[in-house]
Amino acid sequence: ELASHLEDVAVEIAREALILSEHAGRKTVKVEDIKLAQK
């Protein structure tokens, strides 16, 4: 249950980070993208 919930949260953060990196014109997701996606 907890592991499943944590995985769901991580996937959502990863999706948001990918969107942020694409918006910045990059194909690589950087630490800054992940930090911004967490907020």
PDB file of N, CA and C in Angstrom:
ATOM      1  N   GLU A   1       0.833  -1.197   0.000  1.00  0.00           N
ATOM      2  CA  GLU A   1       0.000   0.000   0.000  1.00  0.00           C
ATOM      3  C   GLU A   1       0.876   1.258   0.000  1.00  0.00           C
ATOM      4  N   LEU A   2       1.773   1.368   0.967  1.00  0.00           N
ATOM      5  CA  LEU A   2       2.650   2.539   1.042  1.00  0.00           C
ATOM      6  C   LEU A   2       3.568   2.600  -0.179  1.00  0.00           C
ATOM      7  N   ALA A   3       4.139   1.476  -0.545  1.00  0.00           N
ATOM      8  CA  ALA A   3       5.047   1.444  -1.695  1.00  0.00           C
ATOM      9  C   ALA A   3       4.314   1.853  -2.971  1.00  0.00           C
ATOM     10  N   SER A   4       3.090   1.409  -3.116  1.00  0.00           N
ATOM     11  CA  SER A   4       2.294   1.751  -4.289  1.00  0.00           C
ATOM     12  C   SER A   4       2.017   3.253  -4.337  1.00  0.00           C
ATOM     13  N   HIS A   5       1.681   3.812  -3.188  1.00  0.00           N
ATOM     14  CA  HIS A   5       1.412   5.253  -3.126  1.00  0.00           C
ATOM     15  C   HIS A   5       2.678   6.053  -3.447  1.00  0.00           C
ATOM     16  N   LEU A   6       3.805   5.649  -2.881  1.00  0.00           N
ATOM     17  CA  LEU A   6       5.066   6.348  -3.142  1.00  0.00           C
ATOM     18  C   LEU A   6       5.446   6.267  -4.621  1.00  0.00           C
ATOM     19  N   GLU A   7       5.197   5.126  -5.219  1.00  0.00           N
ATOM     20  CA  GLU A   7       5.489   4.970  -6.645  1.00  0.00           C
ATOM     21  C   GLU A   7       4.617   5.906  -7.477  1.00  0.00           C
ATOM     22  N   ASP A   8       3.334   6.014  -7.110  1.00  0.00           N
ATOM     23  CA  ASP A   8       2.433   6.917  -7.830  1.00  0.00           C
ATOM     24  C   ASP A   8       2.915   8.362  -7.735  1.00  0.00           C
ATOM     25  N   VAL A   9       3.338   8.768  -6.546  1.00  0.00           N
ATOM     26  CA  VAL A   9       3.842  10.130  -6.348  1.00  0.00           C
ATOM     27  C   VAL A   9       5.105  10.345  -7.183  1.00  0.00           C
ATOM     28  N   ALA A  10       5.998   9.376  -7.178  1.00  0.00           N
ATOM     29  CA  ALA A  10       7.247   9.491  -7.937  1.00  0.00           C
ATOM     30  C   ALA A  10       6.978   9.596  -9.438  1.00  0.00           C
ATOM     31  N   VAL A  11       6.012   8.839  -9.925  1.00  0.00           N
ATOM     32  CA  VAL A  11       5.673   8.887 -11.350  1.00  0.00           C
ATOM     33  C   VAL A  11       5.118  10.261 -11.717  1.00  0.00           C
ATOM     34  N   GLU A  12       4.282  10.816 -10.866  1.00  0.00           N
ATOM     35  CA  GLU A  12       3.732  12.148 -11.125  1.00  0.00           C
ATOM     36  C   GLU A  12       4.833  13.211 -11.143  1.00  0.00           C
ATOM     37  N   ILE A  13       5.760  13.124 -10.210  1.00  0.00           N
ATOM     38  CA  ILE A  13       6.881  14.072 -10.175  1.00  0.00           C
ATOM     39  C   ILE A  13       7.724  13.918 -11.439  1.00  0.00           C
ATOM     40  N   ALA A  14       7.965  12.687 -11.858  1.00  0.00           N
ATOM     41  CA  ALA A  14       8.766  12.441 -13.061  1.00  0.00           C
ATOM     42  C   ALA A  14       8.086  13.011 -14.299  1.00  0.00           C
ATOM     43  N   ARG A  15       6.774  12.842 -14.390  1.00  0.00           N
ATOM     44  CA  ARG A  15       6.040  13.394 -15.538  1.00  0.00           C
ATOM     45  C   ARG A  15       6.169  14.914 -15.583  1.00  0.00           C
ATOM     46  N   GLU A  16       5.968  15.539 -14.430  1.00  0.00           N
ATOM     47  CA  GLU A  16       6.058  17.000 -14.359  1.00  0.00           C
ATOM     48  C   GLU A  16       7.478  17.471 -14.687  1.00  0.00           C
ATOM     49  N   ALA A  17       8.482  16.769 -14.191  1.00  0.00           N
ATOM     50  CA  ALA A  17       9.871  17.130 -14.477  1.00  0.00           C
ATOM     51  C   ALA A  17      10.168  17.007 -15.971  1.00  0.00           C
ATOM     52  N   LEU A  18       9.621  16.003 -16.614  1.00  0.00           N
ATOM     53  CA  LEU A  18       9.811  15.826 -18.054  1.00  0.00           C
ATOM     54  C   LEU A  18       9.193  16.988 -18.819  1.00  0.00           C
ATOM     55  N   ILE A  19       8.004  17.394 -18.414  1.00  0.00           N
ATOM     56  CA  ILE A  19       7.344  18.539 -19.055  1.00  0.00           C
ATOM     57  C   ILE A  19       8.192  19.796 -18.891  1.00  0.00           C
ATOM     58  N   LEU A  20       8.727  20.000 -17.688  1.00  0.00           N
ATOM     59  CA  LEU A  20       9.560  21.182 -17.436  1.00  0.00           C
ATOM     60  C   LEU A  20      10.825  21.171 -18.289  1.00  0.00           C
ATOM     61  N   SER A  21      11.459  20.018 -18.422  1.00  0.00           N
ATOM     62  CA  SER A  21      12.685  19.951 -19.226  1.00  0.00           C
ATOM     63  C   SER A  21      12.381  20.184 -20.706  1.00  0.00           C
ATOM     64  N   GLU A  22      11.258  19.652 -21.187  1.00  0.00           N
ATOM     65  CA  GLU A  22      10.877  19.871 -22.583  1.00  0.00           C
ATOM     66  C   GLU A  22      10.565  21.347 -22.823  1.00  0.00           C
ATOM     67  N   HIS A  23       9.913  21.973 -21.857  1.00  0.00           N
ATOM     68  CA  HIS A  23       9.595  23.399 -21.975  1.00  0.00           C
ATOM     69  C   HIS A  23      10.876  24.235 -22.046  1.00  0.00           C
ATOM     70  N   ALA A  24      11.910  23.788 -21.355  1.00  0.00           N
ATOM     71  CA  ALA A  24      13.193  24.494 -21.371  1.00  0.00           C
ATOM     72  C   ALA A  24      14.003  24.173 -22.627  1.00  0.00           C
ATOM     73  N   GLY A  25      13.485  23.296 -23.484  1.00  0.00           N
ATOM     74  CA  GLY A  25      14.170  22.970 -24.726  1.00  0.00           C
ATOM     75  C   GLY A  25      15.232  21.900 -24.574  1.00  0.00           C
ATOM     76  N   ARG A  26      15.132  21.117 -23.509  1.00  0.00           N
ATOM     77  CA  ARG A  26      16.113  20.054 -23.266  1.00  0.00           C
ATOM     78  C   ARG A  26      15.448  18.694 -23.366  1.00  0.00           C
ATOM     79  N   LYS A  27      16.257  17.688 -23.692  1.00  0.00           N
ATOM     80  CA  LYS A  27      15.789  16.303 -23.669  1.00  0.00           C
ATOM     81  C   LYS A  27      16.188  15.618 -22.368  1.00  0.00           C
ATOM     82  N   THR A  28      17.107  16.248 -21.643  1.00  0.00           N
ATOM     83  CA  THR A  28      17.612  15.682 -20.394  1.00  0.00           C
ATOM     84  C   THR A  28      16.890  16.314 -19.211  1.00  0.00           C
ATOM     85  N   VAL A  29      16.421  15.480 -18.291  1.00  0.00           N
ATOM     86  CA  VAL A  29      15.799  15.975 -17.065  1.00  0.00           C
ATOM     87  C   VAL A  29      16.911  16.245 -16.063  1.00  0.00           C
ATOM     88  N   LYS A  30      16.942  17.467 -15.563  1.00  0.00           N
ATOM     89  CA  LYS A  30      17.977  17.863 -14.606  1.00  0.00           C
ATOM     90  C   LYS A  30      17.402  17.906 -13.195  1.00  0.00           C
ATOM     91  N   VAL A  31      18.292  17.998 -12.235  1.00  0.00           N
ATOM     92  CA  VAL A  31      17.894  18.047 -10.825  1.00  0.00           C
ATOM     93  C   VAL A  31      16.939  19.209 -10.586  1.00  0.00           C
ATOM     94  N   GLU A  32      17.191  20.344 -11.227  1.00  0.00           N
ATOM     95  CA  GLU A  32      16.333  21.512 -11.040  1.00  0.00           C
ATOM     96  C   GLU A  32      14.896  21.218 -11.470  1.00  0.00           C
ATOM     97  N   ASP A  33      14.732  20.434 -12.543  1.00  0.00           N
ATOM     98  CA  ASP A  33      13.393  20.077 -13.015  1.00  0.00           C
ATOM     99  C   ASP A  33      12.654  19.259 -11.959  1.00  0.00           C
ATOM    100  N   ILE A  34      13.360  18.330 -11.356  1.00  0.00           N
ATOM    101  CA  ILE A  34      12.749  17.473 -10.341  1.00  0.00           C
ATOM    102  C   ILE A  34      12.380  18.293  -9.111  1.00  0.00           C
ATOM    103  N   LYS A  35      13.273  19.195  -8.712  1.00  0.00           N
ATOM    104  CA  LYS A  35      12.990  20.039  -7.541  1.00  0.00           C
ATOM    105  C   LYS A  35      11.775  20.921  -7.789  1.00  0.00           C
ATOM    106  N   LEU A  36      11.678  21.495  -8.985  1.00  0.00           N
ATOM    107  CA  LEU A  36      10.518  22.321  -9.306  1.00  0.00           C
ATOM    108  C   LEU A  36       9.239  21.485  -9.367  1.00  0.00           C
ATOM    109  N   ALA A  37       9.340  20.278  -9.878  1.00  0.00           N
ATOM    110  CA  ALA A  37       8.167  19.409 -10.002  1.00  0.00           C
ATOM    111  C   ALA A  37       7.640  18.976  -8.640  1.00  0.00           C
ATOM    112  N   GLN A  38       8.497  18.917  -7.645  1.00  0.00           N
ATOM    113  CA  GLN A  38       8.071  18.512  -6.305  1.00  0.00           C
ATOM    114  C   GLN A  38       7.165  19.552  -5.670  1.00  0.00           C
ATOM    115  N   LYS A  39       7.311  20.802  -6.049  1.00  0.00           N
ATOM    116  CA  LYS A  39       6.576  21.895  -5.400  1.00  0.00           C
ATOM    117  C   LYS A  39       5.143  21.969  -5.814  1.00  0.00           C
TER     118      LYS A  39
END
